[in-house]
C-alpha atoms as a PDB file:
ATOM      1  CA  GLY A   1     -14.377  -5.869 -30.096  1.00  0.00           C
ATOM      2  CA  ALA A   2     -10.772  -6.245 -29.173  1.00  0.00           C
ATOM      3  CA  ILE A   3      -8.775  -3.863 -27.021  1.00  0.00           C
ATOM      4  CA  GLY A   4      -5.419  -2.672 -28.344  1.00  0.00           C
ATOM      5  CA  LEU A   5      -2.661  -0.469 -26.986  1.00  0.00           C
ATOM      6  CA  ALA A   6      -0.666   2.017 -29.052  1.00  0.00           C
ATOM      7  CA  SER A   7       2.405   3.759 -27.693  1.00  0.00           C
ATOM      8  CA  GLY A   8       4.005   6.993 -28.804  1.00  0.00           C
ATOM      9  CA  PHE A   9       5.333  10.270 -27.506  1.00  0.00           C
ATOM     10  CA  TYR A  10       4.647  13.961 -27.617  1.00  0.00           C
ATOM     11  CA  GLN A  11       7.056  16.815 -27.096  1.00  0.00           C
ATOM     12  CA  ILE A  12       6.908  20.467 -26.174  1.00  0.00           C
ATOM     13  CA  ILE A  13       9.494  23.251 -26.007  1.00  0.00           C
ATOM     14  CA  VAL A  14       8.863  25.872 -23.322  1.00  0.00           C
ATOM     15  CA  LEU A  15      10.607  29.192 -22.759  1.00  0.00           C
ATOM     16  CA  CYS A  16      11.547  29.354 -19.062  1.00  0.00           C
ATOM     17  CA  GLY A  17      13.425  31.870 -16.957  1.00  0.00           C
ATOM     18  CA  ARG A  18      16.739  30.063 -17.543  1.00  0.00           C
ATOM     19  CA  GLY A  19      16.240  29.278 -21.241  1.00  0.00           C
ATOM     20  CA  LEU A  20      14.425  26.655 -23.278  1.00  0.00           C
ATOM     21  CA  THR A  21      13.168  23.406 -21.806  1.00  0.00           C
ATOM     22  CA  LEU A  22      12.387  20.358 -23.934  1.00  0.00           C
ATOM     23  CA  ASN A  23       9.794  18.038 -22.421  1.00  0.00           C
ATOM     24  CA  ILE A  24       9.234  14.616 -24.022  1.00  0.00           C
ATOM     25  CA  ASN A  25       6.487  12.401 -22.616  1.00  0.00           C
ATOM     26  CA  LYS A  26       5.735   8.822 -23.557  1.00  0.00           C
ATOM     27  CA  SER A  27       2.042   8.136 -23.896  1.00  0.00           C
ATOM     28  CA  PHE A  28      -0.171   5.105 -24.354  1.00  0.00           C
ATOM     29  CA  VAL A  29      -3.580   5.073 -26.000  1.00  0.00           C
ATOM     30  CA  SER A  30      -6.059   2.229 -25.892  1.00  0.00           C
ATOM     31  CA  PHE A  31      -8.301   1.305 -28.797  1.00  0.00           C
ATOM     32  CA  TYR A  32     -11.534  -0.504 -28.102  1.00  0.00           C
ATOM     33  CA  GLN A  33     -12.400  -1.318 -31.701  1.00  0.00           C
ATOM     34  CA  ASN A  34     -10.420  -3.605 -33.948  1.00  0.00           C
ATOM     35  CA  TYR A  35      -9.302  -0.820 -36.336  1.00  0.00           C
ATOM     36  CA  ASN A  36      -5.902   0.290 -37.465  1.00  0.00           C
ATOM     37  CA  LEU A  37      -5.204   4.016 -37.115  1.00  0.00           C
ATOM     38  CA  VAL A  38      -6.303   4.941 -40.665  1.00  0.00           C
ATOM     39  CA  GLN A  39      -9.598   3.072 -40.284  1.00  0.00           C
ATOM     40  CA  PHE A  40     -10.195   4.625 -36.847  1.00  0.00           C
ATOM     41  CA  LEU A  41      -9.588   8.183 -38.108  1.00  0.00           C
ATOM     42  CA  SER A  42     -11.734   7.526 -41.174  1.00  0.00           C
ATOM     43  CA  CYS A  43     -14.605   6.401 -38.947  1.00  0.00           C
ATOM     44  CA  TYR A  44     -14.055   9.261 -36.468  1.00  0.00           C
ATOM     45  CA  MET A  45     -14.037  11.925 -39.216  1.00  0.00           C
ATOM     46  CA  GLY A  46     -16.887  10.319 -41.142  1.00  0.00           C
ATOM     47  CA  ARG A  47     -14.827  10.016 -44.327  1.00  0.00           C
ATOM     48  CA  ASP A  48     -13.706   7.058 -46.384  1.00  0.00           C
ATOM     49  CA  THR A  49      -9.977   7.820 -46.689  1.00  0.00           C
ATOM     50  CA  GLN A  50      -9.230   4.523 -48.419  1.00  0.00           C
ATOM     51  CA  LYS A  51     -11.761   5.314 -51.157  1.00  0.00           C
ATOM     52  CA  ASN A  52     -10.743   8.843 -52.207  1.00  0.00           C
ATOM     53  CA  GLY A  53      -7.563   9.588 -50.219  1.00  0.00           C
ATOM     54  CA  SER A  54      -8.828  12.788 -48.567  1.00  0.00           C
END
């Protein structure tokens, strides 16, 4: 199968001694199978999301 790379970010707000801190991190995830995200999650969860939408 093909290897793909998806980029995104995650964020967190933390209460510190001097107030709130917003931390935003860029992340990269590699996919080893030739799936789009919906197909990958469908396979991972063992459900056919394209068939019944849940």
